[in-house]
Protein backbone atom coordinates (compact mmCIF):
# COMPACT_ATOMS: atom_id res chain seq x y z
CA MET A 1 76.03 110.55 81.23
CA LYS A 2 76.17 113.23 83.96
CA SER A 3 73.50 112.91 86.63
CA THR A 4 72.82 114.72 89.86
CA ASN A 5 70.17 112.45 91.36
CA LEU A 6 69.08 108.85 91.25
CA ALA A 7 66.03 109.38 89.02
CA ALA A 8 68.06 111.35 86.46
CA TYR A 9 70.82 108.74 86.55
CA LEU A 10 68.45 105.81 85.95
CA ALA A 11 66.57 107.66 83.20
CA ALA A 12 69.82 108.54 81.42
CA ALA A 13 71.07 104.96 81.79
CA LEU A 14 67.82 103.58 80.36
CA ASN A 15 68.16 105.90 77.36
CA LEU A 16 71.60 104.34 76.76
CA GLY A 17 70.13 100.85 76.93
CA ILE A 18 71.45 100.14 80.43
CA SER A 19 68.66 98.58 82.46
CA SER A 20 70.59 96.48 84.98
CA HIS A 21 72.58 97.98 87.85
CA THR A 22 74.58 96.73 90.78
CA VAL A 23 73.95 98.37 94.14
CA ARG A 24 76.36 98.04 97.04
CA ALA A 25 75.53 99.25 100.50
CA SER A 26 78.08 99.87 103.21
CA ALA A 27 77.74 101.01 106.79
CA ARG A 28 80.24 103.74 107.63
CA PRO A 29 81.63 104.85 110.99
CA GLY A 30 79.17 107.25 112.58
CA GLY A 31 76.14 105.31 111.34
CA ASP A 32 76.03 106.63 107.76
CA ILE A 33 74.92 104.18 105.09
CA HIS A 34 76.36 104.65 101.60
CA PHE A 35 75.09 103.16 98.35
CA LEU A 36 77.20 102.79 95.22
CA ILE A 37 75.13 102.30 92.09
CA HIS A 38 76.65 101.35 88.74
CA PRO A 39 75.76 99.53 85.51
CA THR A 40 76.07 95.76 85.81
CA ASP A 41 78.88 94.38 83.60
CA ARG A 42 79.18 97.69 81.73
CA ASP A 43 81.50 100.67 81.72
CA GLY A 44 79.84 103.81 82.97
CA GLU A 45 79.52 106.34 85.72
CA THR A 46 78.84 105.36 89.28
CA LEU A 47 76.84 107.35 91.78
CA ASP A 48 77.59 107.36 95.49
CA PHE A 49 74.61 108.17 97.74
CA ALA A 50 74.16 108.37 101.49
CA VAL A 51 70.94 107.80 103.39
CA ARG A 52 69.78 111.06 104.98
CA GLY A 53 66.50 110.65 106.84
CA ASN A 54 64.09 109.11 104.33
CA GLY A 55 65.99 110.33 101.29
CA LEU A 56 69.22 109.83 99.41
CA GLN A 57 71.89 112.51 99.17
CA LEU A 58 74.37 112.50 96.28
CA LEU A 59 77.87 112.32 97.77
CA THR A 60 80.03 112.40 94.66
CA ALA A 61 80.19 114.03 91.34
CA PRO A 62 80.38 110.94 89.09
CA ARG A 63 83.94 110.32 87.99
CA ALA A 64 85.15 106.88 86.94
CA HIS A 65 88.75 105.72 86.49
CA VAL A 66 90.23 103.06 84.24
CA CYS A 67 91.33 101.06 87.28
CA GLY A 68 87.74 100.40 88.22
CA VAL A 69 87.33 103.06 90.88
CA THR A 70 85.17 106.12 91.33
CA CYS A 71 86.63 108.73 93.67
CA ARG A 72 85.19 111.81 95.30
CA PRO A 73 86.56 115.04 93.84
CA GLY A 74 90.03 115.56 95.30
CA ASP A 75 90.15 112.03 96.75
CA THR A 76 93.31 110.14 95.90
CA ASN A 77 92.37 106.98 97.80
CA CYS A 78 90.53 104.54 95.60
CA ASN A 79 88.24 101.89 97.04
CA GLY A 80 87.96 99.45 94.12
CA TYR A 81 84.19 99.71 93.63
CA CYS A 82 83.37 100.95 90.19
CA ILE A 83 84.13 100.67 86.50
CA GLY A 84 84.97 103.25 83.89
CA LYS A 85 87.39 104.50 81.26
CA ALA A 86 88.84 107.78 82.45
CA GLU A 87 92.49 108.63 82.96
CA LYS A 88 94.37 106.46 85.44
CA PRO A 89 94.91 108.17 88.81
CA ALA A 90 98.47 108.06 90.13
CA SER A 91 97.59 106.40 93.45
CA CYS A 92 95.12 103.78 92.31
CA GLY A 93 95.84 100.54 94.14
CA ALA A 94 93.22 98.61 92.17
CA ASN A 95 95.15 99.29 88.98
CA ASP A 96 97.78 96.62 89.74
CA GLU A 97 95.00 94.03 89.62
CA ALA A 98 93.58 95.50 86.41
CA GLU A 99 97.00 95.47 84.72
CA LEU A 100 97.62 91.90 85.86
CA GLU A 101 94.22 90.85 84.52
CA GLN A 102 95.09 92.43 81.14
CA GLN A 103 98.36 90.48 81.06
CA ILE A 104 96.55 87.25 81.89
CA GLN A 105 93.93 87.91 79.20
CA ALA A 106 96.74 88.49 76.68
CA THR A 107 97.92 84.90 77.25
CA LYS A 108 94.45 83.70 76.19
CA PRO A 109 93.91 81.23 79.05
CA THR A 110 91.71 78.26 78.18
CA ALA A 111 91.15 76.58 81.55
CA PRO A 112 88.55 77.73 84.07
CA ARG A 113 89.77 80.65 86.18
CA LEU A 114 88.58 83.45 88.40
CA LYS A 115 88.58 87.07 87.33
CA PRO A 116 88.39 90.19 89.50
CA ALA A 117 84.80 90.71 88.34
CA ASP A 118 83.92 87.24 89.66
CA ILE A 119 85.12 88.23 93.12
CA ASP A 120 83.34 91.59 93.00
CA ALA A 121 80.12 89.87 91.92
CA VAL A 122 79.93 87.78 95.11
CA ILE A 123 80.40 90.76 97.45
CA MET A 124 76.93 91.93 98.41
CA SER A 125 77.73 94.45 101.15
CA GLU A 126 80.48 95.77 103.32
CA SER A 127 80.79 97.43 106.68
CA PHE A 128 83.68 99.13 108.43
CA THR A 129 84.40 99.33 112.15
CA VAL A 130 87.13 101.33 113.83
CA LEU A 131 88.08 99.56 117.05
CA PRO A 132 88.12 101.53 120.31
CA SER A 133 91.91 102.00 120.17
CA GLY A 134 91.36 104.22 117.12
CA ARG A 135 94.25 102.44 115.39
CA VAL A 136 92.52 99.44 113.79
CA THR A 137 89.93 99.35 111.01
CA VAL A 138 88.02 96.13 110.31
CA CYS A 139 86.14 95.54 107.07
CA GLU A 140 83.49 92.85 106.91
CA LEU A 141 82.36 91.77 103.45
CA THR A 142 79.12 89.82 103.16
CA LEU A 143 79.20 87.38 100.27
CA ARG A 144 76.29 86.27 98.09
CA ASN A 145 75.57 83.18 100.21
CA GLY A 146 75.61 85.16 103.48
CA PHE A 147 79.09 84.07 104.54
CA THR A 148 81.31 86.92 105.77
CA VAL A 149 85.03 87.57 105.50
CA ARG A 150 87.01 90.16 107.38
CA GLY A 151 90.18 92.12 106.77
CA GLU A 152 91.89 94.67 108.90
CA SER A 153 94.37 97.49 108.80
CA ALA A 154 96.24 99.17 111.63
CA VAL A 155 98.59 102.03 112.34
CA VAL A 156 101.30 102.01 115.00
CA CYS A 157 100.65 105.61 116.04
CA ILE A 158 97.12 107.01 116.23
CA GLU A 159 98.44 110.30 114.79
CA ASN A 160 98.91 108.46 111.48
CA PHE A 161 95.32 107.14 111.35
CA ASN A 162 93.44 107.97 108.15
CA ALA A 163 89.92 106.51 107.84
CA GLN A 164 89.93 106.34 104.03
CA ILE A 165 93.27 104.58 103.83
CA GLY A 166 92.31 102.27 106.69
CA GLU A 167 89.08 101.28 104.95
CA ARG A 168 90.87 100.74 101.64
CA VAL A 169 93.55 98.47 103.13
CA ALA A 170 91.07 96.57 105.32
CA ARG A 171 88.77 96.00 102.32
CA GLU A 172 91.64 94.78 100.15
CA ASN A 173 92.65 92.33 102.89
CA ALA A 174 89.07 91.04 103.25
CA ARG A 175 88.70 90.76 99.46
CA LYS A 176 91.83 88.56 99.29
CA LYS A 177 89.99 86.06 101.47
CA GLY A 178 87.15 86.10 98.94
CA TRP A 179 89.67 85.11 96.22
CA GLU A 180 90.75 82.11 98.31
CA LEU A 181 87.20 80.95 98.96
CA GLU A 182 86.07 81.38 95.37
CA GLY A 183 89.21 79.57 94.17
CA TYR A 184 88.35 76.66 96.42
CA LEU A 185 84.76 76.57 95.14
CA LEU A 186 85.87 76.65 91.49
CA ARG A 187 88.31 73.81 92.07
CA GLU A 188 85.61 71.83 93.91
CA ARG A 189 83.21 72.29 90.96
CA MET A 190 85.93 71.12 88.57
CA TYR A 191 86.64 68.08 90.76
CA GLY A 192 82.94 67.19 90.92
CA ALA A 193 82.61 67.49 87.14
CA GLY A 194 85.15 64.80 86.57
């Protein structure tokens, strides 16, 4: 499924029997708003759009990786957003989690547990802020119930600052807090059930 605009993407997805999609919006430094659109609970391409005036502009040529990430052409920094079955990129940080999940699945766990998809499902939006020093990136994730968690990344020397890497690390750190909260909620549900 290769699409160049939202209408073509949704029409092609519908022809494949995919009628449900997940949309994530994130505010980027400089005021841009990006949307990532992908099939809900399915493998498939993801489209990355930015708001431009009253329209959407396609930012990426769709390209999904096995680790669960769609990258812009030439981008080696994965952000952990999307799903797919292409060749594994060498620098994909999300792949460690995917490999660990495969190992856990191989043990055939029987007790209630959280999976990476459970954590991703509660993240409704994200925003990134670079602090005035230019060295620190903060990611705020808004969860399904409106609660927010934050993670940050920092460089010692501003000359080493890279926005993509800063966002990736800050998001990973915020997402870890989501794991802790969801783990607590699962255990609380188990406790309440007896």
